[in-house]
Amino acid sequence: MSNTPVFPYTEKEEKLARYAKALSHPVRVYILQFLDSQQGCYVGNIVEELPMAQSSVSQHLKELKDAGLIQGTVTPPRVKYCIDRQNWEEARVMFAFFFGNIREEESCCD
């Protein structure tokens, strides 16, 4: 018998949480908006736009990429980043469904 707890959440809920975590930092939200306005760009372009070190920008890009919200195309020696439109649409639909299904009743805490 395993001592590993069994959580009652689904794979979809886990994916929604991964998207939410990626969006939980204002710099990442800004990066997504910047990428959308540029139709993709290199790390250096983002570093020029943000007052932070390249290593910090790269870490934020890694979080967004790990969540699947952006993708990178290697053009040695650089990587061009853009929004992963398929996953972005999936996240949009998942968030709309999630927020649309929360009851709009008075809070139990009132």
PDB file of N, CA and C in Angstrom:
ATOM      1  N   MET A   1       0.841  -1.174   0.000  1.00  0.00           N
ATOM      2  CA  MET A   1       0.000   0.000   0.000  1.00  0.00           C
ATOM      3  C   MET A   1       0.889   1.241   0.000  1.00  0.00           C
ATOM      4  N   SER A   2       0.583   2.201  -0.869  1.00  0.00           N
ATOM      5  CA  SER A   2       1.368   3.409  -1.010  1.00  0.00           C
ATOM      6  C   SER A   2       0.887   4.486  -0.043  1.00  0.00           C
ATOM      7  N   ASN A   3       1.838   5.264   0.465  1.00  0.00           N
ATOM      8  CA  ASN A   3       1.504   6.389   1.332  1.00  0.00           C
ATOM      9  C   ASN A   3       1.314   7.679   0.546  1.00  0.00           C
ATOM     10  N   THR A   4       1.414   7.591  -0.779  1.00  0.00           N
ATOM     11  CA  THR A   4       1.240   8.768  -1.618  1.00  0.00           C
ATOM     12  C   THR A   4      -0.226   9.161  -1.634  1.00  0.00           C
ATOM     13  N   PRO A   5      -0.521  10.426  -1.262  1.00  0.00           N
ATOM     14  CA  PRO A   5      -1.926  10.854  -1.252  1.00  0.00           C
ATOM     15  C   PRO A   5      -2.481  10.952  -2.679  1.00  0.00           C
ATOM     16  N   VAL A   6      -3.737  10.632  -2.800  1.00  0.00           N
ATOM     17  CA  VAL A   6      -4.424  10.737  -4.086  1.00  0.00           C
ATOM     18  C   VAL A   6      -5.251  12.019  -4.051  1.00  0.00           C
ATOM     19  N   PHE A   7      -4.910  12.941  -4.938  1.00  0.00           N
ATOM     20  CA  PHE A   7      -5.624  14.213  -4.974  1.00  0.00           C
ATOM     21  C   PHE A   7      -6.793  14.111  -5.936  1.00  0.00           C
ATOM     22  N   PRO A   8      -7.901  14.762  -5.595  1.00  0.00           N
ATOM     23  CA  PRO A   8      -9.112  14.636  -6.407  1.00  0.00           C
ATOM     24  C   PRO A   8      -9.178  15.621  -7.580  1.00  0.00           C
ATOM     25  N   TYR A   9      -8.030  16.138  -8.042  1.00  0.00           N
ATOM     26  CA  TYR A   9      -8.088  17.066  -9.163  1.00  0.00           C
ATOM     27  C   TYR A   9      -7.746  16.354 -10.469  1.00  0.00           C
ATOM     28  N   THR A  10      -8.212  16.951 -11.541  1.00  0.00           N
ATOM     29  CA  THR A  10      -8.034  16.352 -12.852  1.00  0.00           C
ATOM     30  C   THR A  10      -6.793  16.920 -13.548  1.00  0.00           C
ATOM     31  N   GLU A  11      -6.445  16.309 -14.651  1.00  0.00           N
ATOM     32  CA  GLU A  11      -5.339  16.789 -15.470  1.00  0.00           C
ATOM     33  C   GLU A  11      -5.631  18.202 -15.992  1.00  0.00           C
ATOM     34  N   LYS A  12      -6.893  18.472 -16.314  1.00  0.00           N
ATOM     35  CA  LYS A  12      -7.279  19.816 -16.772  1.00  0.00           C
ATOM     36  C   LYS A  12      -7.068  20.849 -15.680  1.00  0.00           C
ATOM     37  N   GLU A  13      -7.423  20.507 -14.465  1.00  0.00           N
ATOM     38  CA  GLU A  13      -7.236  21.429 -13.344  1.00  0.00           C
ATOM     39  C   GLU A  13      -5.750  21.685 -13.101  1.00  0.00           C
ATOM     40  N   GLU A  14      -4.953  20.652 -13.251  1.00  0.00           N
ATOM     41  CA  GLU A  14      -3.509  20.804 -13.093  1.00  0.00           C
ATOM     42  C   GLU A  14      -2.945  21.733 -14.174  1.00  0.00           C
ATOM     43  N   LYS A  15      -3.424  21.589 -15.405  1.00  0.00           N
ATOM     44  CA  LYS A  15      -2.977  22.440 -16.501  1.00  0.00           C
ATOM     45  C   LYS A  15      -3.418  23.885 -16.279  1.00  0.00           C
ATOM     46  N   LEU A  16      -4.647  24.083 -15.826  1.00  0.00           N
ATOM     47  CA  LEU A  16      -5.139  25.430 -15.531  1.00  0.00           C
ATOM     48  C   LEU A  16      -4.272  26.083 -14.458  1.00  0.00           C
ATOM     49  N   ALA A  17      -3.908  25.330 -13.443  1.00  0.00           N
ATOM     50  CA  ALA A  17      -3.045  25.854 -12.375  1.00  0.00           C
ATOM     51  C   ALA A  17      -1.664  26.214 -12.918  1.00  0.00           C
ATOM     52  N   ARG A  18      -1.156  25.429 -13.856  1.00  0.00           N
ATOM     53  CA  ARG A  18       0.142  25.717 -14.459  1.00  0.00           C
ATOM     54  C   ARG A  18       0.090  27.030 -15.250  1.00  0.00           C
ATOM     55  N   TYR A  19      -1.001  27.224 -16.011  1.00  0.00           N
ATOM     56  CA  TYR A  19      -1.182  28.489 -16.740  1.00  0.00           C
ATOM     57  C   TYR A  19      -1.297  29.655 -15.750  1.00  0.00           C
ATOM     58  N   ALA A  20      -2.079  29.454 -14.694  1.00  0.00           N
ATOM     59  CA  ALA A  20      -2.278  30.511 -13.707  1.00  0.00           C
ATOM     60  C   ALA A  20      -0.961  30.875 -13.027  1.00  0.00           C
ATOM     61  N   LYS A  21      -0.156  29.888 -12.702  1.00  0.00           N
ATOM     62  CA  LYS A  21       1.140  30.150 -12.068  1.00  0.00           C
ATOM     63  C   LYS A  21       2.020  30.976 -12.999  1.00  0.00           C
ATOM     64  N   ALA A  22       2.020  30.634 -14.290  1.00  0.00           N
ATOM     65  CA  ALA A  22       2.836  31.379 -15.256  1.00  0.00           C
ATOM     66  C   ALA A  22       2.382  32.825 -15.365  1.00  0.00           C
ATOM     67  N   LEU A  23       1.092  33.069 -15.176  1.00  0.00           N
ATOM     68  CA  LEU A  23       0.541  34.414 -15.276  1.00  0.00           C
ATOM     69  C   LEU A  23       0.560  35.164 -13.934  1.00  0.00           C
ATOM     70  N   SER A  24       1.105  34.539 -12.906  1.00  0.00           N
ATOM     71  CA  SER A  24       1.009  35.110 -11.561  1.00  0.00           C
ATOM     72  C   SER A  24       2.039  36.198 -11.262  1.00  0.00           C
ATOM     73  N   HIS A  25       2.880  36.517 -12.219  1.00  0.00           N
ATOM     74  CA  HIS A  25       3.864  37.577 -11.995  1.00  0.00           C
ATOM     75  C   HIS A  25       3.656  38.678 -13.027  1.00  0.00           C
ATOM     76  N   PRO A  26       3.611  39.940 -12.587  1.00  0.00           N
ATOM     77  CA  PRO A  26       3.336  41.036 -13.530  1.00  0.00           C
ATOM     78  C   PRO A  26       4.364  41.154 -14.656  1.00  0.00           C
ATOM     79  N   VAL A  27       5.605  40.765 -14.402  1.00  0.00           N
ATOM     80  CA  VAL A  27       6.608  40.816 -15.473  1.00  0.00           C
ATOM     81  C   VAL A  27       6.240  39.838 -16.584  1.00  0.00           C
ATOM     82  N   ARG A  28       5.738  38.676 -16.226  1.00  0.00           N
ATOM     83  CA  ARG A  28       5.356  37.682 -17.244  1.00  0.00           C
ATOM     84  C   ARG A  28       4.150  38.149 -18.042  1.00  0.00           C
ATOM     85  N   VAL A  29       3.216  38.795 -17.373  1.00  0.00           N
ATOM     86  CA  VAL A  29       2.055  39.354 -18.076  1.00  0.00           C
ATOM     87  C   VAL A  29       2.548  40.411 -19.061  1.00  0.00           C
ATOM     88  N   TYR A  30       3.464  41.257 -18.620  1.00  0.00           N
ATOM     89  CA  TYR A  30       4.019  42.296 -19.486  1.00  0.00           C
ATOM     90  C   TYR A  30       4.743  41.668 -20.680  1.00  0.00           C
ATOM     91  N   ILE A  31       5.550  40.637 -20.421  1.00  0.00           N
ATOM     92  CA  ILE A  31       6.283  39.963 -21.495  1.00  0.00           C
ATOM     93  C   ILE A  31       5.313  39.408 -22.531  1.00  0.00           C
ATOM     94  N   LEU A  32       4.233  38.784 -22.089  1.00  0.00           N
ATOM     95  CA  LEU A  32       3.240  38.252 -23.034  1.00  0.00           C
ATOM     96  C   LEU A  32       2.636  39.366 -23.882  1.00  0.00           C
ATOM     97  N   GLN A  33       2.301  40.483 -23.262  1.00  0.00           N
ATOM     98  CA  GLN A  33       1.748  41.611 -24.011  1.00  0.00           C
ATOM     99  C   GLN A  33       2.779  42.163 -24.988  1.00  0.00           C
ATOM    100  N   PHE A  34       4.025  42.237 -24.567  1.00  0.00           N
ATOM    101  CA  PHE A  34       5.093  42.725 -25.434  1.00  0.00           C
ATOM    102  C   PHE A  34       5.300  41.780 -26.615  1.00  0.00           C
ATOM    103  N   LEU A  35       5.353  40.480 -26.344  1.00  0.00           N
ATOM    104  CA  LEU A  35       5.514  39.509 -27.431  1.00  0.00           C
ATOM    105  C   LEU A  35       4.372  39.611 -28.427  1.00  0.00           C
ATOM    106  N   ASP A  36       3.164  39.799 -27.931  1.00  0.00           N
ATOM    107  CA  ASP A  36       2.016  39.913 -28.814  1.00  0.00           C
ATOM    108  C   ASP A  36       2.129  41.162 -29.697  1.00  0.00           C
ATOM    109  N   SER A  37       2.591  42.251 -29.130  1.00  0.00           N
ATOM    110  CA  SER A  37       2.695  43.494 -29.904  1.00  0.00           C
ATOM    111  C   SER A  37       3.833  43.445 -30.921  1.00  0.00           C
ATOM    112  N   GLN A  38       4.821  42.594 -30.677  1.00  0.00           N
ATOM    113  CA  GLN A  38       5.988  42.496 -31.561  1.00  0.00           C
ATOM    114  C   GLN A  38       5.897  41.319 -32.535  1.00  0.00           C
ATOM    115  N   GLN A  39       4.900  40.477 -32.370  1.00  0.00           N
ATOM    116  CA  GLN A  39       4.816  39.238 -33.151  1.00  0.00           C
ATOM    117  C   GLN A  39       6.063  38.372 -32.941  1.00  0.00           C
ATOM    118  N   GLY A  40       6.618  38.438 -31.745  1.00  0.00           N
ATOM    119  CA  GLY A  40       7.779  37.640 -31.386  1.00  0.00           C
ATOM    120  C   GLY A  40       9.032  38.486 -31.360  1.00  0.00           C
ATOM    121  N   CYS A  41      10.008  38.063 -30.558  1.00  0.00           N
ATOM    122  CA  CYS A  41      11.272  38.794 -30.487  1.00  0.00           C
ATOM    123  C   CYS A  41      12.312  37.974 -29.734  1.00  0.00           C
ATOM    124  N   TYR A  42      13.505  38.544 -29.643  1.00  0.00           N
ATOM    125  CA  TYR A  42      14.627  37.912 -28.955  1.00  0.00           C
ATOM    126  C   TYR A  42      14.728  38.438 -27.527  1.00  0.00           C
ATOM    127  N   VAL A  43      15.465  37.711 -26.690  1.00  0.00           N
ATOM    128  CA  VAL A  43      15.627  38.104 -25.290  1.00  0.00           C
ATOM    129  C   VAL A  43      16.154  39.534 -25.199  1.00  0.00           C
ATOM    130  N   GLY A  44      17.109  39.874 -26.035  1.00  0.00           N
ATOM    131  CA  GLY A  44      17.693  41.214 -26.008  1.00  0.00           C
ATOM    132  C   GLY A  44      16.659  42.303 -26.206  1.00  0.00           C
ATOM    133  N   ASN A  45      15.661  42.051 -27.067  1.00  0.00           N
ATOM    134  CA  ASN A  45      14.599  43.030 -27.274  1.00  0.00           C
ATOM    135  C   ASN A  45      13.790  43.239 -25.998  1.00  0.00           C
ATOM    136  N   ILE A  46      13.547  42.172 -25.277  1.00  0.00           N
ATOM    137  CA  ILE A  46      12.768  42.255 -24.038  1.00  0.00           C
ATOM    138  C   ILE A  46      13.588  42.937 -22.958  1.00  0.00           C
ATOM    139  N   VAL A  47      14.887  42.625 -22.886  1.00  0.00           N
ATOM    140  CA  VAL A  47      15.773  43.245 -21.894  1.00  0.00           C
ATOM    141  C   VAL A  47      15.835  44.757 -22.116  1.00  0.00           C
ATOM    142  N   GLU A  48      15.833  45.180 -23.368  1.00  0.00           N
ATOM    143  CA  GLU A  48      15.830  46.611 -23.670  1.00  0.00           C
ATOM    144  C   GLU A  48      14.548  47.282 -23.165  1.00  0.00           C
ATOM    145  N   GLU A  49      13.471  46.529 -23.136  1.00  0.00           N
ATOM    146  CA  GLU A  49      12.158  47.044 -22.741  1.00  0.00           C
ATOM    147  C   GLU A  49      11.963  47.057 -21.227  1.00  0.00           C
ATOM    148  N   LEU A  50      12.615  46.153 -20.521  1.00  0.00           N
ATOM    149  CA  LEU A  50      12.421  46.000 -19.075  1.00  0.00           C
ATOM    150  C   LEU A  50      13.679  46.404 -18.312  1.00  0.00           C
ATOM    151  N   PRO A  51      13.509  47.040 -17.163  1.00  0.00           N
ATOM    152  CA  PRO A  51      14.672  47.431 -16.353  1.00  0.00           C
ATOM    153  C   PRO A  51      15.152  46.288 -15.455  1.00  0.00           C
ATOM    154  N   MET A  52      15.576  45.198 -16.092  1.00  0.00           N
ATOM    155  CA  MET A  52      16.059  44.061 -15.298  1.00  0.00           C
ATOM    156  C   MET A  52      17.152  43.319 -16.052  1.00  0.00           C
ATOM    157  N   ALA A  53      17.891  42.515 -15.335  1.00  0.00           N
ATOM    158  CA  ALA A  53      19.001  41.757 -15.920  1.00  0.00           C
ATOM    159  C   ALA A  53      18.493  40.709 -16.901  1.00  0.00           C
ATOM    160  N   GLN A  54      19.335  40.391 -17.856  1.00  0.00           N
ATOM    161  CA  GLN A  54      18.978  39.376 -18.844  1.00  0.00           C
ATOM    162  C   GLN A  54      18.685  38.037 -18.185  1.00  0.00           C
ATOM    163  N   SER A  55      19.420  37.713 -17.120  1.00  0.00           N
ATOM    164  CA  SER A  55      19.182  36.436 -16.436  1.00  0.00           C
ATOM    165  C   SER A  55      17.776  36.390 -15.833  1.00  0.00           C
ATOM    166  N   SER A  56      17.286  37.523 -15.322  1.00  0.00           N
ATOM    167  CA  SER A  56      15.929  37.571 -14.758  1.00  0.00           C
ATOM    168  C   SER A  56      14.887  37.430 -15.854  1.00  0.00           C
ATOM    169  N   VAL A  57      15.103  38.123 -16.966  1.00  0.00           N
ATOM    170  CA  VAL A  57      14.179  38.008 -18.103  1.00  0.00           C
ATOM    171  C   VAL A  57      14.156  36.566 -18.596  1.00  0.00           C
ATOM    172  N   SER A  58      15.318  35.955 -18.699  1.00  0.00           N
ATOM    173  CA  SER A  58      15.403  34.565 -19.164  1.00  0.00           C
ATOM    174  C   SER A  58      14.647  33.618 -18.238  1.00  0.00           C
ATOM    175  N   GLN A  59      14.700  33.872 -16.929  1.00  0.00           N
ATOM    176  CA  GLN A  59      13.971  33.025 -15.979  1.00  0.00           C
ATOM    177  C   GLN A  59      12.468  33.169 -16.170  1.00  0.00           C
ATOM    178  N   HIS A  60      12.003  34.389 -16.397  1.00  0.00           N
ATOM    179  CA  HIS A  60      10.572  34.598 -16.651  1.00  0.00           C
ATOM    180  C   HIS A  60      10.155  33.934 -17.969  1.00  0.00           C
ATOM    181  N   LEU A  61      10.984  34.037 -18.979  1.00  0.00           N
ATOM    182  CA  LEU A  61      10.688  33.372 -20.252  1.00  0.00           C
ATOM    183  C   LEU A  61      10.627  31.858 -20.060  1.00  0.00           C
ATOM    184  N   LYS A  62      11.517  31.321 -19.233  1.00  0.00           N
ATOM    185  CA  LYS A  62      11.513  29.874 -18.953  1.00  0.00           C
ATOM    186  C   LYS A  62      10.193  29.455 -18.309  1.00  0.00           C
ATOM    187  N   GLU A  63       9.708  30.240 -17.347  1.00  0.00           N
ATOM    188  CA  GLU A  63       8.429  29.925 -16.690  1.00  0.00           C
ATOM    189  C   GLU A  63       7.282  29.916 -17.708  1.00  0.00           C
ATOM    190  N   LEU A  64       7.263  30.918 -18.579  1.00  0.00           N
ATOM    191  CA  LEU A  64       6.208  30.987 -19.593  1.00  0.00           C
ATOM    192  C   LEU A  64       6.319  29.834 -20.583  1.00  0.00           C
ATOM    193  N   LYS A  65       7.539  29.493 -20.940  1.00  0.00           N
ATOM    194  CA  LYS A  65       7.754  28.386 -21.886  1.00  0.00           C
ATOM    195  C   LYS A  65       7.392  27.051 -21.243  1.00  0.00           C
ATOM    196  N   ASP A  66       7.795  26.849 -19.988  1.00  0.00           N
ATOM    197  CA  ASP A  66       7.469  25.600 -19.292  1.00  0.00           C
ATOM    198  C   ASP A  66       5.956  25.404 -19.177  1.00  0.00           C
ATOM    199  N   ALA A  67       5.217  26.505 -19.034  1.00  0.00           N
ATOM    200  CA  ALA A  67       3.755  26.421 -18.956  1.00  0.00           C
ATOM    201  C   ALA A  67       3.132  26.214 -20.328  1.00  0.00           C
ATOM    202  N   GLY A  68       3.916  26.446 -21.377  1.00  0.00           N
ATOM    203  CA  GLY A  68       3.402  26.260 -22.731  1.00  0.00           C
ATOM    204  C   GLY A  68       2.775  27.502 -23.340  1.00  0.00           C
ATOM    205  N   LEU A  69       2.895  28.642 -22.666  1.00  0.00           N
ATOM    206  CA  LEU A  69       2.266  29.859 -23.183  1.00  0.00           C
ATOM    207  C   LEU A  69       3.096  30.544 -24.262  1.00  0.00           C
ATOM    208  N   ILE A  70       4.410  30.263 -24.286  1.00  0.00           N
ATOM    209  CA  ILE A  70       5.249  30.783 -25.357  1.00  0.00           C
ATOM    210  C   ILE A  70       6.085  29.648 -25.926  1.00  0.00           C
ATOM    211  N   GLN A  71       6.635  29.892 -27.081  1.00  0.00           N
ATOM    212  CA  GLN A  71       7.541  28.920 -27.683  1.00  0.00           C
ATOM    213  C   GLN A  71       8.766  29.664 -28.183  1.00  0.00           C
ATOM    214  N   GLY A  72       9.860  28.947 -28.318  1.00  0.00           N
ATOM    215  CA  GLY A  72      11.097  29.541 -28.791  1.00  0.00           C
ATOM    216  C   GLY A  72      11.594  28.816 -30.020  1.00  0.00           C
ATOM    217  N   THR A  73      12.016  29.598 -31.004  1.00  0.00           N
ATOM    218  CA  THR A  73      12.598  29.048 -32.220  1.00  0.00           C
ATOM    219  C   THR A  73      14.081  29.376 -32.217  1.00  0.00           C
ATOM    220  N   VAL A  74      14.912  28.350 -32.269  1.00  0.00           N
ATOM    221  CA  VAL A  74      16.349  28.552 -32.209  1.00  0.00           C
ATOM    222  C   VAL A  74      16.847  29.006 -33.576  1.00  0.00           C
ATOM    223  N   THR A  75      17.482  30.178 -33.555  1.00  0.00           N
ATOM    224  CA  THR A  75      18.180  30.696 -34.731  1.00  0.00           C
ATOM    225  C   THR A  75      19.569  31.072 -34.226  1.00  0.00           C
ATOM    226  N   PRO A  76      20.491  30.082 -34.226  1.00  0.00           N
ATOM    227  CA  PRO A  76      21.788  30.265 -33.572  1.00  0.00           C
ATOM    228  C   PRO A  76      22.426  31.612 -33.918  1.00  0.00           C
ATOM    229  N   PRO A  77      22.949  32.274 -32.908  1.00  0.00           N
ATOM    230  CA  PRO A  77      23.104  31.840 -31.514  1.00  0.00           C
ATOM    231  C   PRO A  77      21.954  32.295 -30.614  1.00  0.00           C
ATOM    232  N   ARG A  78      20.837  32.709 -31.178  1.00  0.00           N
ATOM    233  CA  ARG A  78      19.751  33.269 -30.373  1.00  0.00           C
ATOM    234  C   ARG A  78      18.487  32.416 -30.468  1.00  0.00           C
ATOM    235  N   VAL A  79      17.537  32.750 -29.588  1.00  0.00           N
ATOM    236  CA  VAL A  79      16.224  32.116 -29.592  1.00  0.00           C
ATOM    237  C   VAL A  79      15.183  33.212 -29.788  1.00  0.00           C
ATOM    238  N   LYS A  80      14.313  33.020 -30.762  1.00  0.00           N
ATOM    239  CA  LYS A  80      13.224  33.973 -30.988  1.00  0.00           C
ATOM    240  C   LYS A  80      11.984  33.424 -30.286  1.00  0.00           C
ATOM    241  N   TYR A  81      11.373  34.260 -29.438  1.00  0.00           N
ATOM    242  CA  TYR A  81      10.205  33.851 -28.677  1.00  0.00           C
ATOM    243  C   TYR A  81       8.935  34.448 -29.266  1.00  0.00           C
ATOM    244  N   CYS A  82       7.857  33.673 -29.178  1.00  0.00           N
ATOM    245  CA  CYS A  82       6.539  34.162 -29.569  1.00  0.00           C
ATOM    246  C   CYS A  82       5.489  33.415 -28.746  1.00  0.00           C
ATOM    247  N   ILE A  83       4.289  33.942 -28.756  1.00  0.00           N
ATOM    248  CA  ILE A  83       3.190  33.305 -28.024  1.00  0.00           C
ATOM    249  C   ILE A  83       2.800  32.016 -28.745  1.00  0.00           C
ATOM    250  N   ASP A  84       2.602  30.957 -27.989  1.00  0.00           N
ATOM    251  CA  ASP A  84       2.092  29.698 -28.546  1.00  0.00           C
ATOM    252  C   ASP A  84       0.584  29.859 -28.650  1.00  0.00           C
ATOM    253  N   ARG A  85       0.112  30.192 -29.827  1.00  0.00           N
ATOM    254  CA  ARG A  85      -1.301  30.543 -30.022  1.00  0.00           C
ATOM    255  C   ARG A  85      -2.251  29.405 -29.685  1.00  0.00           C
ATOM    256  N   GLN A  86      -1.860  28.179 -29.951  1.00  0.00           N
ATOM    257  CA  GLN A  86      -2.741  27.039 -29.646  1.00  0.00           C
ATOM    258  C   GLN A  86      -2.927  26.899 -28.137  1.00  0.00           C
ATOM    259  N   ASN A  87      -1.834  26.939 -27.386  1.00  0.00           N
ATOM    260  CA  ASN A  87      -1.945  26.824 -25.928  1.00  0.00           C
ATOM    261  C   ASN A  87      -2.580  28.068 -25.321  1.00  0.00           C
ATOM    262  N   TRP A  88      -2.312  29.242 -25.917  1.00  0.00           N
ATOM    263  CA  TRP A  88      -2.930  30.474 -25.424  1.00  0.00           C
ATOM    264  C   TRP A  88      -4.447  30.371 -25.540  1.00  0.00           C
ATOM    265  N   GLU A  89      -4.929  29.862 -26.674  1.00  0.00           N
ATOM    266  CA  GLU A  89      -6.375  29.706 -26.868  1.00  0.00           C
ATOM    267  C   GLU A  89      -6.933  28.692 -25.876  1.00  0.00           C
ATOM    268  N   GLU A  90      -6.202  27.616 -25.651  1.00  0.00           N
ATOM    269  CA  GLU A  90      -6.644  26.625 -24.674  1.00  0.00           C
ATOM    270  C   GLU A  90      -6.746  27.256 -23.287  1.00  0.00           C
ATOM    271  N   ALA A  91      -5.745  28.043 -22.895  1.00  0.00           N
ATOM    272  CA  ALA A  91      -5.764  28.709 -21.590  1.00  0.00           C
ATOM    273  C   ALA A  91      -6.935  29.680 -21.511  1.00  0.00           C
ATOM    274  N   ARG A  92      -7.180  30.432 -22.580  1.00  0.00           N
ATOM    275  CA  ARG A  92      -8.282  31.395 -22.599  1.00  0.00           C
ATOM    276  C   ARG A  92      -9.618  30.692 -22.377  1.00  0.00           C
ATOM    277  N   VAL A  93      -9.819  29.592 -23.059  1.00  0.00           N
ATOM    278  CA  VAL A  93     -11.064  28.829 -22.927  1.00  0.00           C
ATOM    279  C   VAL A  93     -11.179  28.235 -21.521  1.00  0.00           C
ATOM    280  N   MET A  94     -10.087  27.700 -21.009  1.00  0.00           N
ATOM    281  CA  MET A  94     -10.115  27.098 -19.677  1.00  0.00           C
ATOM    282  C   MET A  94     -10.428  28.138 -18.602  1.00  0.00           C
ATOM    283  N   PHE A  95      -9.802  29.318 -18.688  1.00  0.00           N
ATOM    284  CA  PHE A  95     -10.081  30.377 -17.708  1.00  0.00           C
ATOM    285  C   PHE A  95     -11.511  30.874 -17.832  1.00  0.00           C
ATOM    286  N   ALA A  96     -11.999  31.033 -19.061  1.00  0.00           N
ATOM    287  CA  ALA A  96     -13.379  31.492 -19.264  1.00  0.00           C
ATOM    288  C   ALA A  96     -14.358  30.491 -18.658  1.00  0.00           C
ATOM    289  N   PHE A  97     -14.110  29.208 -18.867  1.00  0.00           N
ATOM    290  CA  PHE A  97     -14.973  28.171 -18.313  1.00  0.00           C
ATOM    291  C   PHE A  97     -14.895  28.181 -16.789  1.00  0.00           C
ATOM    292  N   PHE A  98     -13.676  28.281 -16.254  1.00  0.00           N
ATOM    293  CA  PHE A  98     -13.479  28.288 -14.803  1.00  0.00           C
ATOM    294  C   PHE A  98     -14.205  29.467 -14.164  1.00  0.00           C
ATOM    295  N   PHE A  99     -13.962  30.672 -14.664  1.00  0.00           N
ATOM    296  CA  PHE A  99     -14.593  31.855 -14.080  1.00  0.00           C
ATOM    297  C   PHE A  99     -16.089  31.894 -14.367  1.00  0.00           C
ATOM    298  N   GLY A 100     -16.512  31.321 -15.471  1.00  0.00           N
ATOM    299  CA  GLY A 100     -17.931  31.287 -15.806  1.00  0.00           C
ATOM    300  C   GLY A 100     -18.722  30.323 -14.944  1.00  0.00           C
ATOM    301  N   ASN A 101     -18.036  29.376 -14.319  1.00  0.00           N
ATOM    302  CA  ASN A 101     -18.727  28.385 -13.500  1.00  0.00           C
ATOM    303  C   ASN A 101     -18.693  28.675 -12.006  1.00  0.00           C
ATOM    304  N   ILE A 102     -18.059  29.752 -11.616  1.00  0.00           N
ATOM    305  CA  ILE A 102     -18.073  30.133 -10.203  1.00  0.00           C
ATOM    306  C   ILE A 102     -19.421  30.796  -9.924  1.00  0.00           C
ATOM    307  N   ARG A 103     -20.096  30.321  -8.917  1.00  0.00           N
ATOM    308  CA  ARG A 103     -21.429  30.847  -8.602  1.00  0.00           C
ATOM    309  C   ARG A 103     -21.372  32.317  -8.241  1.00  0.00           C
ATOM    310  N   GLU A 104     -22.360  33.058  -8.678  1.00  0.00           N
ATOM    311  CA  GLU A 104     -22.409  34.487  -8.418  1.00  0.00           C
ATOM    312  C   GLU A 104     -23.342  34.809  -7.257  1.00  0.00           C
ATOM    313  N   GLU A 105     -23.379  33.944  -6.279  1.00  0.00           N
ATOM    314  CA  GLU A 105     -24.212  34.154  -5.107  1.00  0.00           C
ATOM    315  C   GLU A 105     -23.442  34.979  -4.083  1.00  0.00           C
ATOM    316  N   GLU A 106     -24.148  35.392  -3.079  1.00  0.00           N
ATOM    317  CA  GLU A 106     -23.510  36.129  -1.998  1.00  0.00           C
ATOM    318  C   GLU A 106     -22.487  35.233  -1.312  1.00  0.00           C
ATOM    319  N   SER A 107     -21.427  35.824  -0.863  1.00  0.00           N
ATOM    320  CA  SER A 107     -20.359  35.081  -0.225  1.00  0.00           C
ATOM    321  C   SER A 107     -20.830  34.515   1.124  1.00  0.00           C
ATOM    322  N   CYS A 108     -20.332  33.364   1.469  1.00  0.00           N
ATOM    323  CA  CYS A 108     -20.671  32.773   2.763  1.00  0.00           C
ATOM    324  C   CYS A 108     -19.950  33.525   3.887  1.00  0.00           C
ATOM    325  N   CYS A 109     -19.008  34.361   3.539  1.00  0.00           N
ATOM    326  CA  CYS A 109     -18.230  35.103   4.540  1.00  0.00           C
ATOM    327  C   CYS A 109     -18.854  36.457   4.897  1.00  0.00           C
ATOM    328  N   ASP A 110     -19.898  36.839   4.186  1.00  0.00           N
ATOM    329  CA  ASP A 110     -20.524  38.137   4.446  1.00  0.00           C
ATOM    330  C   ASP A 110     -21.317  38.132   5.733  1.00  0.00           C
TER     331      ASP A 110
END
